[in-house]
Amino acid sequence: MKDMATRGPEPKVSDDRLLEVIDNDDRPFSTVAYVANRVELSNTRVRQRMAAMVEKGYIRSEKVAGDIKIYWSDSSASFR
């Protein structure tokens, strides 16, 4: 696996793939750490991508404690 601290081209991970990982979490929500552990992106990059997905209305989020956020999707989310 590529060292995420190393500079280089960003791996290609689609919003659909991120949504798939969120939806496949056994919990009714997901976290940045959970998603980052399943795709080839750093926590920072996943946090940025998920924030953009929230802004676009693809997923929802809520701060639950301190800086901790949870994310979930509505089953009607679509990027097409």
N, C-alpha and C. Protein backbone atom coordinates (compact mmCIF):
# COMPACT_ATOMS: atom_id res chain seq x y z
N MET A 1 0.84 -1.18 0.00
CA MET A 1 0.00 0.00 0.00
C MET A 1 0.89 1.24 0.00
N LYS A 2 0.49 2.24 -0.71
CA LYS A 2 1.23 3.49 -0.83
C LYS A 2 1.22 4.25 0.48
N ASP A 3 2.37 4.82 0.85
CA ASP A 3 2.47 5.65 2.04
C ASP A 3 1.71 6.95 1.78
N MET A 4 0.70 7.23 2.57
CA MET A 4 -0.15 8.40 2.34
C MET A 4 0.56 9.72 2.61
N ALA A 5 1.70 9.69 3.31
CA ALA A 5 2.43 10.93 3.57
C ALA A 5 3.30 11.32 2.38
N THR A 6 3.48 10.41 1.44
CA THR A 6 4.31 10.65 0.28
C THR A 6 3.55 11.46 -0.75
N ARG A 7 4.22 12.46 -1.31
CA ARG A 7 3.59 13.24 -2.37
C ARG A 7 3.56 12.42 -3.64
N GLY A 8 2.58 12.69 -4.44
CA GLY A 8 2.43 11.98 -5.71
C GLY A 8 1.01 12.10 -6.17
N PRO A 9 0.68 11.43 -7.26
CA PRO A 9 -0.68 11.53 -7.77
C PRO A 9 -1.69 10.94 -6.78
N GLU A 10 -2.83 11.60 -6.72
CA GLU A 10 -3.90 11.13 -5.84
C GLU A 10 -4.53 9.89 -6.45
N PRO A 11 -4.73 8.84 -5.63
CA PRO A 11 -5.41 7.66 -6.15
C PRO A 11 -6.82 8.03 -6.63
N LYS A 12 -7.29 7.34 -7.61
CA LYS A 12 -8.63 7.59 -8.15
C LYS A 12 -9.66 6.87 -7.29
N VAL A 13 -10.39 7.64 -6.51
CA VAL A 13 -11.47 7.11 -5.69
C VAL A 13 -12.68 7.98 -5.96
N SER A 14 -13.71 7.40 -6.54
CA SER A 14 -14.90 8.16 -6.91
C SER A 14 -15.79 8.43 -5.70
N ASP A 15 -16.66 9.42 -5.86
CA ASP A 15 -17.67 9.68 -4.84
C ASP A 15 -18.56 8.45 -4.65
N ASP A 16 -18.83 7.75 -5.74
CA ASP A 16 -19.64 6.53 -5.65
C ASP A 16 -18.97 5.50 -4.75
N ARG A 17 -17.64 5.37 -4.86
CA ARG A 17 -16.90 4.42 -4.02
C ARG A 17 -16.97 4.85 -2.55
N LEU A 18 -16.80 6.14 -2.29
CA LEU A 18 -16.90 6.62 -0.91
C LEU A 18 -18.30 6.36 -0.35
N LEU A 19 -19.31 6.61 -1.15
CA LEU A 19 -20.69 6.35 -0.72
C LEU A 19 -20.91 4.87 -0.45
N GLU A 20 -20.35 4.02 -1.30
CA GLU A 20 -20.46 2.57 -1.10
C GLU A 20 -19.86 2.16 0.25
N VAL A 21 -18.70 2.70 0.57
CA VAL A 21 -18.06 2.38 1.85
C VAL A 21 -18.92 2.86 3.02
N ILE A 22 -19.44 4.07 2.92
CA ILE A 22 -20.31 4.61 3.97
C ILE A 22 -21.54 3.72 4.15
N ASP A 23 -22.15 3.34 3.04
CA ASP A 23 -23.36 2.51 3.10
C ASP A 23 -23.09 1.10 3.62
N ASN A 24 -21.86 0.61 3.45
CA ASN A 24 -21.53 -0.75 3.88
C ASN A 24 -21.04 -0.83 5.32
N ASP A 25 -20.96 0.31 6.00
CA ASP A 25 -20.60 0.31 7.41
C ASP A 25 -21.71 -0.43 8.16
N ASP A 26 -21.34 -1.28 9.11
CA ASP A 26 -22.34 -2.03 9.88
C ASP A 26 -23.18 -1.13 10.77
N ARG A 27 -22.67 0.04 11.06
CA ARG A 27 -23.40 1.00 11.89
C ARG A 27 -24.30 1.86 10.99
N PRO A 28 -25.26 2.56 11.55
CA PRO A 28 -26.12 3.43 10.73
C PRO A 28 -25.44 4.74 10.34
N PHE A 29 -24.16 4.86 10.63
CA PHE A 29 -23.36 6.04 10.30
C PHE A 29 -21.94 5.57 10.00
N SER A 30 -21.12 6.48 9.54
CA SER A 30 -19.72 6.16 9.28
C SER A 30 -18.85 7.31 9.76
N THR A 31 -17.54 7.09 9.75
CA THR A 31 -16.58 8.10 10.17
C THR A 31 -15.48 8.22 9.12
N VAL A 32 -14.74 9.30 9.19
CA VAL A 32 -13.61 9.51 8.28
C VAL A 32 -12.62 8.35 8.41
N ALA A 33 -12.30 7.97 9.63
CA ALA A 33 -11.32 6.90 9.86
C ALA A 33 -11.78 5.59 9.24
N TYR A 34 -13.06 5.27 9.39
CA TYR A 34 -13.59 4.03 8.80
C TYR A 34 -13.43 4.04 7.29
N VAL A 35 -13.81 5.14 6.66
CA VAL A 35 -13.73 5.23 5.20
C VAL A 35 -12.28 5.21 4.75
N ALA A 36 -11.42 5.99 5.40
CA ALA A 36 -10.01 6.06 5.01
C ALA A 36 -9.33 4.71 5.11
N ASN A 37 -9.72 3.90 6.07
CA ASN A 37 -9.13 2.56 6.22
C ASN A 37 -9.55 1.62 5.10
N ARG A 38 -10.56 1.97 4.33
CA ARG A 38 -11.07 1.08 3.28
C ARG A 38 -10.80 1.58 1.86
N VAL A 39 -10.28 2.78 1.75
CA VAL A 39 -9.91 3.32 0.44
C VAL A 39 -8.47 3.82 0.53
N GLU A 40 -7.86 4.05 -0.59
CA GLU A 40 -6.46 4.44 -0.59
C GLU A 40 -6.30 5.96 -0.56
N LEU A 41 -6.86 6.57 0.51
CA LEU A 41 -6.75 8.02 0.73
C LEU A 41 -6.45 8.26 2.20
N SER A 42 -5.80 9.39 2.50
CA SER A 42 -5.51 9.75 3.88
C SER A 42 -6.78 10.23 4.58
N ASN A 43 -6.75 10.25 5.90
CA ASN A 43 -7.87 10.79 6.68
C ASN A 43 -8.19 12.21 6.25
N THR A 44 -7.14 13.02 6.05
CA THR A 44 -7.35 14.42 5.66
C THR A 44 -8.07 14.52 4.34
N ARG A 45 -7.64 13.75 3.36
CA ARG A 45 -8.28 13.80 2.04
C ARG A 45 -9.71 13.28 2.10
N VAL A 46 -9.95 12.21 2.86
CA VAL A 46 -11.32 11.68 3.00
C VAL A 46 -12.20 12.73 3.67
N ARG A 47 -11.69 13.41 4.69
CA ARG A 47 -12.46 14.45 5.37
C ARG A 47 -12.84 15.55 4.38
N GLN A 48 -11.90 15.96 3.54
CA GLN A 48 -12.18 16.99 2.53
C GLN A 48 -13.23 16.51 1.53
N ARG A 49 -13.07 15.30 1.06
CA ARG A 49 -14.01 14.75 0.07
C ARG A 49 -15.40 14.60 0.66
N MET A 50 -15.48 14.12 1.90
CA MET A 50 -16.79 13.93 2.53
C MET A 50 -17.44 15.27 2.82
N ALA A 51 -16.66 16.29 3.17
CA ALA A 51 -17.22 17.63 3.38
C ALA A 51 -17.82 18.15 2.07
N ALA A 52 -17.14 17.91 0.97
CA ALA A 52 -17.65 18.33 -0.34
C ALA A 52 -18.93 17.57 -0.68
N MET A 53 -18.98 16.29 -0.33
CA MET A 53 -20.18 15.49 -0.60
C MET A 53 -21.35 16.00 0.23
N VAL A 54 -21.09 16.44 1.46
CA VAL A 54 -22.14 17.03 2.30
C VAL A 54 -22.66 18.30 1.65
N GLU A 55 -21.75 19.16 1.21
CA GLU A 55 -22.15 20.42 0.56
C GLU A 55 -23.00 20.17 -0.68
N LYS A 56 -22.72 19.12 -1.41
CA LYS A 56 -23.47 18.77 -2.62
C LYS A 56 -24.79 18.07 -2.30
N GLY A 57 -24.97 17.68 -1.02
CA GLY A 57 -26.20 17.00 -0.62
C GLY A 57 -26.19 15.50 -0.85
N TYR A 58 -25.01 14.92 -1.13
CA TYR A 58 -24.91 13.48 -1.37
C TYR A 58 -24.98 12.68 -0.08
N ILE A 59 -24.44 13.25 0.99
CA ILE A 59 -24.47 12.61 2.30
C ILE A 59 -24.78 13.69 3.34
N ARG A 60 -25.03 13.24 4.56
CA ARG A 60 -25.31 14.16 5.65
C ARG A 60 -24.28 13.94 6.75
N SER A 61 -24.11 14.94 7.60
CA SER A 61 -23.16 14.80 8.71
C SER A 61 -23.68 15.54 9.93
N GLU A 62 -23.12 15.15 11.07
CA GLU A 62 -23.44 15.84 12.30
C GLU A 62 -22.25 15.71 13.25
N LYS A 63 -21.92 16.81 13.90
CA LYS A 63 -20.86 16.79 14.92
C LYS A 63 -21.46 16.20 16.18
N VAL A 64 -20.80 15.18 16.73
CA VAL A 64 -21.35 14.51 17.90
C VAL A 64 -20.59 14.81 19.19
N ALA A 65 -19.31 15.15 19.09
CA ALA A 65 -18.52 15.48 20.28
C ALA A 65 -17.22 16.12 19.83
N GLY A 66 -16.90 17.27 20.38
CA GLY A 66 -15.65 17.92 20.00
C GLY A 66 -15.56 18.10 18.49
N ASP A 67 -14.53 17.53 17.91
CA ASP A 67 -14.35 17.60 16.45
C ASP A 67 -14.83 16.34 15.74
N ILE A 68 -15.47 15.43 16.46
CA ILE A 68 -15.91 14.17 15.87
C ILE A 68 -17.21 14.37 15.11
N LYS A 69 -17.19 13.95 13.84
CA LYS A 69 -18.39 14.00 13.00
C LYS A 69 -18.75 12.59 12.56
N ILE A 70 -20.03 12.36 12.40
CA ILE A 70 -20.50 11.13 11.79
C ILE A 70 -21.15 11.48 10.46
N TYR A 71 -21.16 10.52 9.55
CA TYR A 71 -21.68 10.72 8.21
C TYR A 71 -22.62 9.58 7.87
N TRP A 72 -23.65 9.88 7.11
CA TRP A 72 -24.57 8.85 6.63
C TRP A 72 -25.16 9.32 5.32
N SER A 73 -25.75 8.39 4.61
CA SER A 73 -26.37 8.75 3.33
C SER A 73 -27.85 8.43 3.35
N ASP A 74 -28.57 9.15 2.53
CA ASP A 74 -29.95 8.82 2.26
C ASP A 74 -29.92 7.85 1.09
N SER A 75 -30.76 6.88 1.07
CA SER A 75 -30.70 5.86 0.03
C SER A 75 -30.94 6.43 -1.36
N SER A 76 -31.45 7.66 -1.46
CA SER A 76 -31.75 8.26 -2.76
C SER A 76 -30.56 9.01 -3.35
N ALA A 77 -29.41 9.03 -2.67
CA ALA A 77 -28.25 9.79 -3.18
C ALA A 77 -27.79 9.23 -4.52
N SER A 78 -27.48 10.12 -5.42
CA SER A 78 -27.01 9.70 -6.74
C SER A 78 -26.08 10.76 -7.29
N PHE A 79 -25.05 10.34 -8.01
CA PHE A 79 -24.09 11.25 -8.59
C PHE A 79 -24.25 11.34 -10.09
N ARG A 80 -25.17 10.67 -10.64
CA ARG A 80 -25.32 10.61 -12.11
C ARG A 80 -26.31 11.63 -12.59
